[in-house]
C-alpha atoms as a PDB file:
ATOM      1  CA  MET A   1      96.566 -46.427 -20.009  1.00  0.00           C
ATOM      2  CA  LYS A   2      93.461 -45.075 -21.756  1.00  0.00           C
ATOM      3  CA  ILE A   3      90.569 -47.390 -22.583  1.00  0.00           C
ATOM      4  CA  LEU A   4      87.371 -46.866 -24.588  1.00  0.00           C
ATOM      5  CA  ILE A   5      84.406 -49.228 -24.181  1.00  0.00           C
ATOM      6  CA  LEU A   6      81.667 -49.182 -26.808  1.00  0.00           C
ATOM      7  CA  LYS A   7      78.294 -50.473 -25.648  1.00  0.00           C
ATOM      8  CA  PRO A   8      75.657 -47.916 -26.626  1.00  0.00           C
ATOM      9  CA  SER A   9      72.452 -49.844 -25.929  1.00  0.00           C
ATOM     10  CA  SER A  10      70.144 -51.204 -24.681  1.00  0.00           C
ATOM     11  CA  LEU A  11      69.638 -50.708 -20.915  1.00  0.00           C
ATOM     12  CA  GLY A  12      69.873 -54.422 -20.144  1.00  0.00           C
ATOM     13  CA  ASP A  13      72.874 -54.904 -22.415  1.00  0.00           C
ATOM     14  CA  VAL A  14      74.758 -51.994 -20.886  1.00  0.00           C
ATOM     15  CA  VAL A  15      74.068 -53.237 -17.358  1.00  0.00           C
ATOM     16  CA  GLN A  16      75.274 -56.720 -18.307  1.00  0.00           C
ATOM     17  CA  ALA A  17      78.492 -55.217 -19.705  1.00  0.00           C
ATOM     18  CA  LEU A  18      79.345 -53.305 -16.528  1.00  0.00           C
ATOM     19  CA  PRO A  19      81.410 -56.165 -15.011  1.00  0.00           C
ATOM     20  CA  VAL A  20      83.940 -55.553 -17.799  1.00  0.00           C
ATOM     21  CA  LEU A  21      84.353 -51.969 -16.573  1.00  0.00           C
ATOM     22  CA  ARG A  22      84.568 -53.024 -12.927  1.00  0.00           C
ATOM     23  CA  LEU A  23      87.289 -55.610 -13.520  1.00  0.00           C
ATOM     24  CA  LEU A  24      89.289 -53.391 -15.865  1.00  0.00           C
ATOM     25  CA  LYS A  25      89.385 -50.688 -13.214  1.00  0.00           C
ATOM     26  CA  ARG A  26      90.048 -53.205 -10.445  1.00  0.00           C
ATOM     27  CA  HIS A  27      93.096 -54.684 -12.174  1.00  0.00           C
ATOM     28  CA  CYS A  28      94.249 -51.560 -14.026  1.00  0.00           C
ATOM     29  CA  PRO A  29      93.582 -48.956 -11.316  1.00  0.00           C
ATOM     30  CA  ALA A  30      95.611 -46.235 -13.015  1.00  0.00           C
ATOM     31  CA  SER A  31      93.669 -46.588 -16.249  1.00  0.00           C
ATOM     32  CA  GLU A  32      91.438 -43.855 -17.641  1.00  0.00           C
ATOM     33  CA  ILE A  33      88.268 -45.473 -18.967  1.00  0.00           C
ATOM     34  CA  HIS A  34      85.649 -43.864 -21.194  1.00  0.00           C
ATOM     35  CA  TRP A  35      82.317 -45.333 -22.363  1.00  0.00           C
ATOM     36  CA  TRP A  36      80.510 -44.692 -25.679  1.00  0.00           C
ATOM     37  CA  ILE A  37      76.764 -44.882 -24.976  1.00  0.00           C
ATOM     38  CA  ASP A  38      73.437 -43.857 -26.455  1.00  0.00           C
ATOM     39  CA  ALA A  39      72.532 -40.375 -25.218  1.00  0.00           C
ATOM     40  CA  GLY A  40      69.260 -41.619 -23.737  1.00  0.00           C
ATOM     41  CA  LEU A  41      71.116 -44.042 -21.458  1.00  0.00           C
ATOM     42  CA  ALA A  42      73.919 -41.665 -20.458  1.00  0.00           C
ATOM     43  CA  PRO A  43      72.388 -41.024 -16.975  1.00  0.00           C
ATOM     44  CA  LEU A  44      73.092 -44.674 -16.179  1.00  0.00           C
ATOM     45  CA  LEU A  45      76.840 -44.019 -16.332  1.00  0.00           C
ATOM     46  CA  GLU A  46      77.278 -40.331 -15.590  1.00  0.00           C
ATOM     47  CA  GLY A  47      79.095 -39.941 -12.300  1.00  0.00           C
ATOM     48  CA  ASP A  48      80.174 -43.590 -12.232  1.00  0.00           C
ATOM     49  CA  PRO A  49      83.243 -43.863  -9.969  1.00  0.00           C
ATOM     50  CA  ASP A  50      85.139 -46.087 -12.427  1.00  0.00           C
ATOM     51  CA  LEU A  51      84.694 -43.869 -15.491  1.00  0.00           C
ATOM     52  CA  ALA A  52      86.765 -40.890 -16.549  1.00  0.00           C
ATOM     53  CA  GLY A  53      84.248 -39.877 -19.195  1.00  0.00           C
ATOM     54  CA  VAL A  54      80.992 -40.687 -20.971  1.00  0.00           C
ATOM     55  CA  VAL A  55      80.883 -40.220 -24.753  1.00  0.00           C
ATOM     56  CA  ARG A  56      77.318 -39.642 -25.973  1.00  0.00           C
ATOM     57  CA  PHE A  57      76.191 -41.378 -29.134  1.00  0.00           C
ATOM     58  CA  GLU A  58      73.408 -39.160 -30.507  1.00  0.00           C
ATOM     59  CA  ARG A  59      71.863 -41.905 -32.596  1.00  0.00           C
ATOM     60  CA  GLN A  60      68.579 -40.218 -33.514  1.00  0.00           C
ATOM     61  CA  ARG A  61      70.089 -36.778 -33.974  1.00  0.00           C
ATOM     62  CA  TRP A  62      72.950 -37.976 -36.158  1.00  0.00           C
ATOM     63  CA  ALA A  63      70.577 -39.845 -38.458  1.00  0.00           C
ATOM     64  CA  ALA A  64      69.891 -36.487 -40.149  1.00  0.00           C
ATOM     65  CA  PRO A  65      72.644 -35.363 -42.588  1.00  0.00           C
ATOM     66  CA  VAL A  66      72.439 -31.829 -41.229  1.00  0.00           C
ATOM     67  CA  HIS A  67      74.001 -33.106 -37.986  1.00  0.00           C
ATOM     68  CA  TRP A  68      76.797 -35.153 -39.581  1.00  0.00           C
ATOM     69  CA  PRO A  69      79.415 -32.426 -38.938  1.00  0.00           C
ATOM     70  CA  GLU A  70      78.602 -32.818 -35.243  1.00  0.00           C
ATOM     71  CA  MET A  71      79.182 -36.573 -35.535  1.00  0.00           C
ATOM     72  CA  LEU A  72      82.504 -36.018 -37.269  1.00  0.00           C
ATOM     73  CA  ARG A  73      83.604 -33.696 -34.478  1.00  0.00           C
ATOM     74  CA  SER A  74      82.754 -36.404 -31.956  1.00  0.00           C
ATOM     75  CA  ILE A  75      84.865 -38.929 -33.878  1.00  0.00           C
ATOM     76  CA  ALA A  76      87.743 -36.440 -34.070  1.00  0.00           C
ATOM     77  CA  ALA A  77      87.517 -35.956 -30.305  1.00  0.00           C
ATOM     78  CA  LEU A  78      87.735 -39.729 -29.814  1.00  0.00           C
ATOM     79  CA  ARG A  79      90.790 -39.968 -32.035  1.00  0.00           C
ATOM     80  CA  ALA A  80      92.465 -37.143 -30.127  1.00  0.00           C
ATOM     81  CA  GLN A  81      92.213 -39.188 -26.922  1.00  0.00           C
ATOM     82  CA  GLN A  82      94.761 -41.693 -28.318  1.00  0.00           C
ATOM     83  CA  PHE A  83      93.288 -44.749 -26.634  1.00  0.00           C
ATOM     84  CA  ASP A  84      95.496 -47.738 -25.916  1.00  0.00           C
ATOM     85  CA  TRP A  85      92.617 -50.217 -25.925  1.00  0.00           C
ATOM     86  CA  VAL A  86      89.270 -49.909 -27.700  1.00  0.00           C
ATOM     87  CA  ILE A  87      86.736 -52.582 -26.713  1.00  0.00           C
ATOM     88  CA  ASP A  88      83.589 -53.014 -28.814  1.00  0.00           C
ATOM     89  CA  LEU A  89      80.993 -54.940 -26.791  1.00  0.00           C
ATOM     90  CA  GLN A  90      78.182 -54.241 -29.275  1.00  0.00           C
ATOM     91  CA  GLY A  91      79.572 -56.230 -32.194  1.00  0.00           C
ATOM     92  CA  LEU A  92      77.581 -54.485 -34.924  1.00  0.00           C
ATOM     93  CA  ALA A  93      78.805 -52.793 -38.087  1.00  0.00           C
ATOM     94  CA  ARG A  94      78.028 -49.334 -36.698  1.00  0.00           C
ATOM     95  CA  SER A  95      79.857 -49.838 -33.410  1.00  0.00           C
ATOM     96  CA  GLY A  96      82.727 -51.603 -35.177  1.00  0.00           C
ATOM     97  CA  ALA A  97      83.140 -48.649 -37.531  1.00  0.00           C
ATOM     98  CA  PHE A  98      83.131 -46.137 -34.670  1.00  0.00           C
ATOM     99  CA  ALA A  99      85.599 -48.305 -32.762  1.00  0.00           C
ATOM    100  CA  TRP A 100      87.916 -48.444 -35.778  1.00  0.00           C
ATOM    101  CA  LEU A 101      87.610 -44.688 -36.356  1.00  0.00           C
ATOM    102  CA  ALA A 102      88.638 -44.087 -32.737  1.00  0.00           C
ATOM    103  CA  ASN A 103      92.075 -45.269 -33.902  1.00  0.00           C
ATOM    104  CA  GLY A 104      93.217 -47.000 -30.722  1.00  0.00           C
ATOM    105  CA  GLU A 105      96.412 -49.017 -30.474  1.00  0.00           C
ATOM    106  CA  LEU A 106      94.484 -52.277 -30.011  1.00  0.00           C
ATOM    107  CA  LEU A 107      90.879 -52.962 -31.041  1.00  0.00           C
ATOM    108  CA  VAL A 108      89.028 -55.896 -29.455  1.00  0.00           C
ATOM    109  CA  GLY A 109      85.492 -56.821 -30.415  1.00  0.00           C
ATOM    110  CA  LEU A 110      82.734 -59.372 -30.163  1.00  0.00           C
ATOM    111  CA  ASP A 111      81.711 -61.362 -33.183  1.00  0.00           C
ATOM    112  CA  GLU A 112      78.517 -63.269 -33.833  1.00  0.00           C
ATOM    113  CA  SER A 113      78.748 -62.992 -37.637  1.00  0.00           C
ATOM    114  CA  ARG A 114      75.699 -60.752 -37.869  1.00  0.00           C
ATOM    115  CA  GLU A 115      76.990 -57.670 -39.655  1.00  0.00           C
ATOM    116  CA  GLY A 116      80.621 -58.328 -40.458  1.00  0.00           C
ATOM    117  CA  ALA A 117      81.982 -56.155 -37.655  1.00  0.00           C
ATOM    118  CA  ARG A 118      84.878 -58.588 -37.181  1.00  0.00           C
ATOM    119  CA  GLY A 119      86.646 -56.974 -40.131  1.00  0.00           C
ATOM    120  CA  PHE A 120      87.417 -53.956 -37.951  1.00  0.00           C
ATOM    121  CA  TYR A 121      89.013 -55.845 -35.047  1.00  0.00           C
ATOM    122  CA  ASP A 122      92.567 -56.795 -34.134  1.00  0.00           C
ATOM    123  CA  ILE A 123      91.295 -59.407 -31.652  1.00  0.00           C
ATOM    124  CA  ILE A 124      87.987 -61.174 -32.272  1.00  0.00           C
ATOM    125  CA  VAL A 125      86.036 -62.756 -29.395  1.00  0.00           C
ATOM    126  CA  PRO A 126      83.321 -65.134 -30.688  1.00  0.00           C
ATOM    127  CA  ARG A 127      80.421 -66.293 -28.535  1.00  0.00           C
ATOM    128  CA  PRO A 128      81.530 -69.702 -27.172  1.00  0.00           C
ATOM    129  CA  SER A 129      78.095 -71.245 -27.736  1.00  0.00           C
ATOM    130  CA  PHE A 130      74.532 -70.259 -28.539  1.00  0.00           C
ATOM    131  CA  HIS A 131      73.539 -70.570 -24.891  1.00  0.00           C
ATOM    132  CA  THR A 132      76.491 -68.645 -23.468  1.00  0.00           C
ATOM    133  CA  HIS A 133      75.063 -65.877 -21.332  1.00  0.00           C
ATOM    134  CA  ALA A 134      75.697 -62.331 -22.516  1.00  0.00           C
ATOM    135  CA  VAL A 135      77.556 -61.448 -19.298  1.00  0.00           C
ATOM    136  CA  ASP A 136      79.974 -64.342 -19.747  1.00  0.00           C
ATOM    137  CA  TRP A 137      80.512 -63.431 -23.384  1.00  0.00           C
ATOM    138  CA  TYR A 138      81.383 -59.848 -22.520  1.00  0.00           C
ATOM    139  CA  LEU A 139      83.731 -61.039 -19.780  1.00  0.00           C
ATOM    140  CA  ALA A 140      85.493 -63.331 -22.286  1.00  0.00           C
ATOM    141  CA  VAL A 141      87.151 -60.191 -23.663  1.00  0.00           C
ATOM    142  CA  LEU A 142      89.194 -59.690 -20.494  1.00  0.00           C
ATOM    143  CA  PRO A 143      91.492 -62.767 -20.601  1.00  0.00           C
ATOM    144  CA  ARG A 144      92.531 -61.672 -24.100  1.00  0.00           C
ATOM    145  CA  LEU A 145      93.832 -58.502 -22.446  1.00  0.00           C
ATOM    146  CA  GLY A 146      95.483 -60.268 -19.517  1.00  0.00           C
ATOM    147  CA  VAL A 147      92.769 -59.221 -17.049  1.00  0.00           C
ATOM    148  CA  PRO A 148      91.460 -61.924 -14.663  1.00  0.00           C
ATOM    149  CA  VAL A 149      87.735 -62.631 -14.380  1.00  0.00           C
ATOM    150  CA  HIS A 150      86.045 -63.045 -10.996  1.00  0.00           C
ATOM    151  CA  SER A 151      82.979 -61.767  -9.112  1.00  0.00           C
ATOM    152  CA  ASP A 152      84.675 -59.615  -6.479  1.00  0.00           C
ATOM    153  CA  PHE A 153      83.206 -56.249  -7.473  1.00  0.00           C
ATOM    154  CA  VAL A 154      80.150 -54.051  -6.895  1.00  0.00           C
ATOM    155  CA  TRP A 155      78.062 -54.220 -10.050  1.00  0.00           C
ATOM    156  CA  LEU A 156      75.975 -51.081  -9.443  1.00  0.00           C
ATOM    157  CA  PRO A 157      77.373 -48.816  -6.705  1.00  0.00           C
ATOM    158  CA  GLU A 158      74.778 -46.779  -4.844  1.00  0.00           C
ATOM    159  CA  ARG A 159      74.152 -43.240  -6.084  1.00  0.00           C
ATOM    160  CA  PRO A 160      73.618 -41.081  -2.957  1.00  0.00           C
ATOM    161  CA  ALA A 161      71.861 -38.289  -4.871  1.00  0.00           C
ATOM    162  CA  ALA A 162      69.401 -40.714  -6.465  1.00  0.00           C
ATOM    163  CA  THR A 163      68.833 -42.449  -3.127  1.00  0.00           C
ATOM    164  CA  ALA A 164      68.098 -39.103  -1.492  1.00  0.00           C
ATOM    165  CA  ALA A 165      65.718 -38.171  -4.309  1.00  0.00           C
ATOM    166  CA  VAL A 166      63.789 -41.437  -3.932  1.00  0.00           C
ATOM    167  CA  GLN A 167      63.571 -41.009  -0.171  1.00  0.00           C
ATOM    168  CA  SER A 168      62.407 -37.418  -0.561  1.00  0.00           C
ATOM    169  CA  LYS A 169      59.707 -38.170  -3.134  1.00  0.00           C
ATOM    170  CA  TRP A 170      58.558 -41.498  -1.721  1.00  0.00           C
ATOM    171  CA  PRO A 171      59.520 -41.792   1.991  1.00  0.00           C
ATOM    172  CA  ALA A 172      60.191 -45.368   3.023  1.00  0.00           C
ATOM    173  CA  ASP A 173      57.953 -47.155   5.468  1.00  0.00           C
ATOM    174  CA  CYS A 174      58.158 -50.540   7.108  1.00  0.00           C
ATOM    175  CA  ALA A 175      56.545 -52.296   4.144  1.00  0.00           C
ATOM    176  CA  ARG A 176      58.175 -55.097   2.220  1.00  0.00           C
ATOM    177  CA  TRP A 177      58.346 -53.780  -1.326  1.00  0.00           C
ATOM    178  CA  ILE A 178      57.952 -55.926  -4.438  1.00  0.00           C
ATOM    179  CA  ALA A 179      58.839 -54.413  -7.809  1.00  0.00           C
ATOM    180  CA  LEU A 180      56.605 -55.170 -10.789  1.00  0.00           C
ATOM    181  CA  GLN A 181      57.645 -54.519 -14.402  1.00  0.00           C
ATOM    182  CA  PRO A 182      54.618 -55.020 -16.700  1.00  0.00           C
ATOM    183  CA  GLY A 183      56.081 -53.349 -19.795  1.00  0.00           C
ATOM    184  CA  ALA A 184      58.603 -54.504 -22.377  1.00  0.00           C
ATOM    185  CA  ARG A 185      59.799 -53.241 -25.739  1.00  0.00           C
ATOM    186  CA  TRP A 186      58.369 -56.238 -27.601  1.00  0.00           C
ATOM    187  CA  LEU A 187      54.614 -56.699 -27.152  1.00  0.00           C
ATOM    188  CA  ASN A 188      55.109 -60.460 -27.130  1.00  0.00           C
ATOM    189  CA  LYS A 189      57.387 -60.153 -24.102  1.00  0.00           C
ATOM    190  CA  ARG A 190      54.561 -58.808 -21.942  1.00  0.00           C
ATOM    191  CA  TRP A 191      52.834 -61.035 -19.434  1.00  0.00           C
ATOM    192  CA  PRO A 192      49.205 -59.831 -19.413  1.00  0.00           C
ATOM    193  CA  ALA A 193      48.606 -56.879 -17.095  1.00  0.00           C
ATOM    194  CA  GLU A 194      45.527 -58.705 -15.822  1.00  0.00           C
ATOM    195  CA  HIS A 195      47.775 -61.559 -14.687  1.00  0.00           C
ATOM    196  CA  PHE A 196      49.960 -59.065 -12.823  1.00  0.00           C
ATOM    197  CA  ALA A 197      46.790 -57.650 -11.229  1.00  0.00           C
ATOM    198  CA  GLU A 198      45.655 -61.072 -10.075  1.00  0.00           C
ATOM    199  CA  LEU A 199      49.100 -61.815  -8.669  1.00  0.00           C
ATOM    200  CA  THR A 200      49.042 -58.512  -6.793  1.00  0.00           C
ATOM    201  CA  ARG A 201      45.568 -59.199  -5.398  1.00  0.00           C
ATOM    202  CA  GLN A 202      46.503 -62.635  -4.094  1.00  0.00           C
ATOM    203  CA  LEU A 203      49.919 -61.686  -2.730  1.00  0.00           C
ATOM    204  CA  GLY A 204      48.403 -58.697  -0.958  1.00  0.00           C
ATOM    205  CA  ALA A 205      45.824 -60.942   0.684  1.00  0.00           C
ATOM    206  CA  GLU A 206      48.475 -63.368   1.934  1.00  0.00           C
ATOM    207  CA  PHE A 207      51.148 -60.876   3.007  1.00  0.00           C
ATOM    208  CA  PRO A 208      49.659 -57.845   4.783  1.00  0.00           C
ATOM    209  CA  ASP A 209      53.015 -56.059   5.006  1.00  0.00           C
ATOM    210  CA  VAL A 210      53.738 -56.240   1.259  1.00  0.00           C
ATOM    211  CA  ARG A 211      53.445 -53.254  -1.101  1.00  0.00           C
ATOM    212  CA  PHE A 212      54.063 -53.051  -4.846  1.00  0.00           C
ATOM    213  CA  ALA A 213      56.196 -50.570  -6.785  1.00  0.00           C
ATOM    214  CA  ILE A 214      55.092 -50.655 -10.424  1.00  0.00           C
ATOM    215  CA  LEU A 215      57.977 -49.579 -12.657  1.00  0.00           C
ATOM    216  CA  GLY A 216      58.166 -48.680 -16.322  1.00  0.00           C
ATOM    217  CA  SER A 217      58.185 -45.864 -18.827  1.00  0.00           C
ATOM    218  CA  ALA A 218      55.436 -43.322 -19.378  1.00  0.00           C
ATOM    219  CA  GLU A 219      53.856 -45.558 -22.007  1.00  0.00           C
ATOM    220  CA  ASP A 220      53.499 -48.267 -19.348  1.00  0.00           C
ATOM    221  CA  GLN A 221      51.256 -46.097 -17.156  1.00  0.00           C
ATOM    222  CA  PRO A 222      48.016 -47.712 -18.435  1.00  0.00           C
ATOM    223  CA  LEU A 223      49.423 -51.145 -17.581  1.00  0.00           C
ATOM    224  CA  GLY A 224      50.311 -49.851 -14.131  1.00  0.00           C
ATOM    225  CA  GLU A 225      46.789 -48.536 -13.651  1.00  0.00           C
ATOM    226  CA  ILE A 226      45.285 -51.935 -14.457  1.00  0.00           C
ATOM    227  CA  ILE A 227      47.501 -53.516 -11.805  1.00  0.00           C
ATOM    228  CA  ALA A 228      46.999 -50.785  -9.214  1.00  0.00           C
ATOM    229  CA  ARG A 229      43.217 -51.123  -9.380  1.00  0.00           C
ATOM    230  CA  ALA A 230      43.572 -54.668  -8.021  1.00  0.00           C
ATOM    231  CA  ALA A 231      44.947 -53.352  -4.717  1.00  0.00           C
ATOM    232  CA  PRO A 232      44.972 -49.542  -4.774  1.00  0.00           C
ATOM    233  CA  GLU A 233      46.036 -49.178  -1.151  1.00  0.00           C
ATOM    234  CA  ARG A 234      49.058 -51.420  -1.767  1.00  0.00           C
ATOM    235  CA  CYS A 235      50.301 -50.207  -5.169  1.00  0.00           C
ATOM    236  CA  LEU A 236      52.452 -47.263  -6.167  1.00  0.00           C
ATOM    237  CA  ASN A 237      52.365 -46.698  -9.921  1.00  0.00           C
ATOM    238  CA  LEU A 238      55.802 -45.261 -10.721  1.00  0.00           C
ATOM    239  CA  ALA A 239      55.626 -45.802 -14.499  1.00  0.00           C
ATOM    240  CA  GLY A 240      57.033 -42.682 -16.148  1.00  0.00           C
ATOM    241  CA  ARG A 241      57.701 -40.985 -12.796  1.00  0.00           C
ATOM    242  CA  THR A 242      61.312 -41.970 -12.082  1.00  0.00           C
ATOM    243  CA  SER A 243      64.617 -41.119 -13.658  1.00  0.00           C
ATOM    244  CA  LEU A 244      66.899 -43.987 -14.619  1.00  0.00           C
ATOM    245  CA  PRO A 245      69.066 -43.609 -11.475  1.00  0.00           C
ATOM    246  CA  GLU A 246      65.911 -43.381  -9.322  1.00  0.00           C
ATOM    247  CA  MET A 247      64.553 -46.581 -10.860  1.00  0.00           C
ATOM    248  CA  ILE A 248      67.777 -48.335  -9.897  1.00  0.00           C
ATOM    249  CA  GLU A 249      67.541 -47.113  -6.315  1.00  0.00           C
ATOM    250  CA  TRP A 250      63.897 -48.191  -6.157  1.00  0.00           C
ATOM    251  CA  LEU A 251      64.985 -51.692  -7.091  1.00  0.00           C
ATOM    252  CA  ARG A 252      67.664 -51.547  -4.414  1.00  0.00           C
ATOM    253  CA  ARG A 253      64.871 -50.818  -1.935  1.00  0.00           C
ATOM    254  CA  CYS A 254      62.741 -53.791  -3.056  1.00  0.00           C
ATOM    255  CA  GLU A 255      62.904 -57.298  -1.673  1.00  0.00           C
ATOM    256  CA  LEU A 256      61.774 -59.090  -4.827  1.00  0.00           C
ATOM    257  CA  MET A 257      61.059 -58.330  -8.486  1.00  0.00           C
ATOM    258  CA  VAL A 258      58.465 -59.915 -10.763  1.00  0.00           C
ATOM    259  CA  THR A 259      59.222 -58.827 -14.293  1.00  0.00           C
ATOM    260  CA  ASN A 260      59.008 -59.362 -17.987  1.00  0.00           C
ATOM    261  CA  ASP A 261      62.249 -59.913 -19.890  1.00  0.00           C
ATOM    262  CA  THR A 262      63.412 -56.306 -20.120  1.00  0.00           C
ATOM    263  CA  GLY A 263      66.151 -53.909 -18.981  1.00  0.00           C
ATOM    264  CA  PRO A 264      65.121 -53.418 -15.321  1.00  0.00           C
ATOM    265  CA  MET A 265      65.212 -57.205 -14.923  1.00  0.00           C
ATOM    266  CA  HIS A 266      68.968 -57.053 -15.502  1.00  0.00           C
ATOM    267  CA  VAL A 267      69.286 -54.126 -13.092  1.00  0.00           C
ATOM    268  CA  ALA A 268      67.610 -56.154 -10.343  1.00  0.00           C
ATOM    269  CA  ALA A 269      69.869 -59.140 -11.049  1.00  0.00           C
ATOM    270  CA  ALA A 270      72.925 -56.879 -10.922  1.00  0.00           C
ATOM    271  CA  LEU A 271      71.758 -55.610  -7.515  1.00  0.00           C
ATOM    272  CA  GLY A 272      71.508 -59.181  -6.270  1.00  0.00           C
ATOM    273  CA  LYS A 273      67.728 -59.033  -5.868  1.00  0.00           C
ATOM    274  CA  PRO A 274      65.679 -62.215  -6.399  1.00  0.00           C
ATOM    275  CA  VAL A 275      64.066 -61.951  -9.842  1.00  0.00           C
ATOM    276  CA  ILE A 276      61.057 -63.939 -10.987  1.00  0.00           C
ATOM    277  CA  ALA A 277      61.511 -63.504 -14.723  1.00  0.00           C
ATOM    278  CA  LEU A 278      58.507 -64.150 -16.973  1.00  0.00           C
ATOM    279  CA  CYS A 279      60.050 -65.255 -20.244  1.00  0.00           C
ATOM    280  CA  GLY A 280      58.157 -65.924 -23.451  1.00  0.00           C
ATOM    281  CA  PRO A 281      59.962 -65.802 -26.813  1.00  0.00           C
ATOM    282  CA  THR A 282      63.483 -65.336 -25.441  1.00  0.00           C
ATOM    283  CA  GLU A 283      66.151 -67.793 -24.297  1.00  0.00           C
ATOM    284  CA  PRO A 284      66.844 -67.126 -20.577  1.00  0.00           C
ATOM    285  CA  ARG A 285      70.082 -69.102 -20.548  1.00  0.00           C
ATOM    286  CA  ARG A 286      71.367 -66.579 -23.076  1.00  0.00           C
ATOM    287  CA  THR A 287      69.826 -63.286 -21.919  1.00  0.00           C
ATOM    288  CA  GLY A 288      67.903 -63.998 -18.715  1.00  0.00           C
ATOM    289  CA  PRO A 289      68.627 -62.674 -15.202  1.00  0.00           C
ATOM    290  CA  TYR A 290      72.267 -63.543 -14.642  1.00  0.00           C
ATOM    291  CA  GLY A 291      72.835 -66.283 -12.098  1.00  0.00           C
ATOM    292  CA  GLN A 292      69.098 -66.801 -11.480  1.00  0.00           C
ATOM    293  CA  TRP A 293      68.135 -69.475 -13.992  1.00  0.00           C
ATOM    294  CA  GLU A 294      66.135 -71.352 -11.333  1.00  0.00           C
ATOM    295  CA  ARG A 295      63.780 -68.388 -10.872  1.00  0.00           C
ATOM    296  CA  VAL A 296      62.783 -68.095 -14.542  1.00  0.00           C
ATOM    297  CA  ALA A 297      59.135 -68.914 -15.326  1.00  0.00           C
ATOM    298  CA  GLN A 298      58.600 -70.104 -18.901  1.00  0.00           C
ATOM    299  CA  THR A 299      55.966 -72.309 -20.502  1.00  0.00           C
ATOM    300  CA  LYS A 300      56.912 -75.346 -22.564  1.00  0.00           C
ATOM    301  CA  LEU A 301      55.607 -74.965 -26.092  1.00  0.00           C
ATOM    302  CA  PRO A 302      57.093 -76.202 -29.395  1.00  0.00           C
ATOM    303  CA  CYS A 303      57.751 -72.591 -30.438  1.00  0.00           C
ATOM    304  CA  VAL A 304      59.592 -71.535 -27.259  1.00  0.00           C
ATOM    305  CA  PRO A 305      61.990 -69.834 -27.562  1.00  0.00           C
ATOM    306  CA  CYS A 306      61.301 -68.393 -31.016  1.00  0.00           C
ATOM    307  CA  LEU A 307      63.552 -65.322 -30.470  1.00  0.00           C
ATOM    308  CA  LYS A 308      61.172 -63.262 -32.624  1.00  0.00           C
ATOM    309  CA  SER A 309      59.617 -59.890 -31.882  1.00  0.00           C
ATOM    310  CA  ARG A 310      56.277 -60.939 -33.389  1.00  0.00           C
ATOM    311  CA  CYS A 311      54.268 -63.994 -32.461  1.00  0.00           C
ATOM    312  CA  ALA A 312      53.420 -66.456 -35.261  1.00  0.00           C
ATOM    313  CA  TRP A 313      51.931 -69.177 -33.050  1.00  0.00           C
ATOM    314  CA  PRO A 314      48.287 -70.166 -33.859  1.00  0.00           C
ATOM    315  CA  GLN A 315      47.243 -69.023 -30.382  1.00  0.00           C
ATOM    316  CA  PRO A 316      48.964 -65.619 -30.175  1.00  0.00           C
ATOM    317  CA  MET A 317      51.286 -65.127 -27.214  1.00  0.00           C
ATOM    318  CA  GLU A 318      50.291 -68.404 -25.609  1.00  0.00           C
ATOM    319  CA  CYS A 319      53.813 -68.671 -24.222  1.00  0.00           C
ATOM    320  CA  LEU A 320      52.877 -65.859 -21.807  1.00  0.00           C
ATOM    321  CA  THR A 321      49.088 -66.030 -21.524  1.00  0.00           C
ATOM    322  CA  ALA A 322      49.352 -69.702 -20.484  1.00  0.00           C
ATOM    323  CA  LEU A 323      51.695 -68.784 -17.637  1.00  0.00           C
ATOM    324  CA  ALA A 324      49.126 -68.759 -14.853  1.00  0.00           C
ATOM    325  CA  PRO A 325      49.193 -66.242 -11.980  1.00  0.00           C
ATOM    326  CA  ARG A 326      48.980 -69.136  -9.517  1.00  0.00           C
ATOM    327  CA  GLU A 327      52.353 -70.472 -10.735  1.00  0.00           C
ATOM    328  CA  VAL A 328      54.004 -67.082 -10.316  1.00  0.00           C
ATOM    329  CA  LEU A 329      52.245 -66.669  -6.962  1.00  0.00           C
ATOM    330  CA  ALA A 330      53.775 -69.928  -5.721  1.00  0.00           C
ATOM    331  CA  ARG A 331      57.230 -68.738  -6.721  1.00  0.00           C
ATOM    332  CA  ALA A 332      56.762 -65.336  -5.072  1.00  0.00           C
ATOM    333  CA  ARG A 333      55.376 -66.963  -1.942  1.00  0.00           C
ATOM    334  CA  ARG A 334      58.473 -69.131  -1.622  1.00  0.00           C
ATOM    335  CA  GLU A 335      60.811 -66.143  -2.031  1.00  0.00           C
ATOM    336  CA  LEU A 336      58.939 -64.022   0.522  1.00  0.00           C
ATOM    337  CA  ALA A 337      58.730 -66.860   3.027  1.00  0.00           C
ATOM    338  CA  ARG A 338      62.451 -67.481   2.626  1.00  0.00           C
ATOM    339  CA  ARG A 339      63.142 -63.870   3.588  1.00  0.00           C
ATOM    340  CA  GLY A 340      60.233 -63.498   5.990  1.00  0.00           C
END
């Protein structure tokens, strides 16, 4: 059997969809599974033991008409694979069209009535409720295909090469590492860097064996510098310095993560790490760290959750600025003491 999964982006969404791959391979071990993914996220899946191939979606490149022949060749290559099942876990018009053009025997897709993608599907899987977590929604595809759903799988298997690279560049010591993620795609998802700095200062004073790995993209380096200045001997600013596989292995090394609502948060949850998630405009029951609802920190305001990328509240971003470092400190203290 040949299977194509379409879930091109984003990092958090792809990570949350991985249980579908794991269970398909677990219960259809002879299957040949391919994944259609944004080229920028391809390193997340390349070399994955459960995948036979990674199909790159060159989203930015193919936006230019001059590259459309390249896109058509990619579609022709998909059609030539003659997939038995095509599973669209993105549920948008673009992914639905690519899934339909792949010309598989059976096309299954998610539907939330956003862009009319359901018109492409043979089997439609609606979201059971507004608060249904994304992971559970993705997994709802499997019973339609006769595949059982359970938790007996490894979400993110270790990558030995990435582990070796992390160890070579940043040799481990006996410290207890805490990961910090101060960046986020939406500005109104970012807990103030100064709050992160204060948290770091206080945690460092209470736990002398704790060090902080500050993660993020290159554009998050200034945020990392603000935090690192609070405890320079304790902080390692890794923003923009790790590959995607190295970031995952750094999180595997850490004991705890304090993070905004962003992709690495889902990586940490998938690794089974305790995650203190700082949520502002988003709904954590729907897209928060899977299985860790009790660790979410979120203020109670009439506008929360607004689910908007721009803040319209009279006191801008109060949902995050009002989340005091002392509250997050208390949560982190409990987690560290529990594992102490």
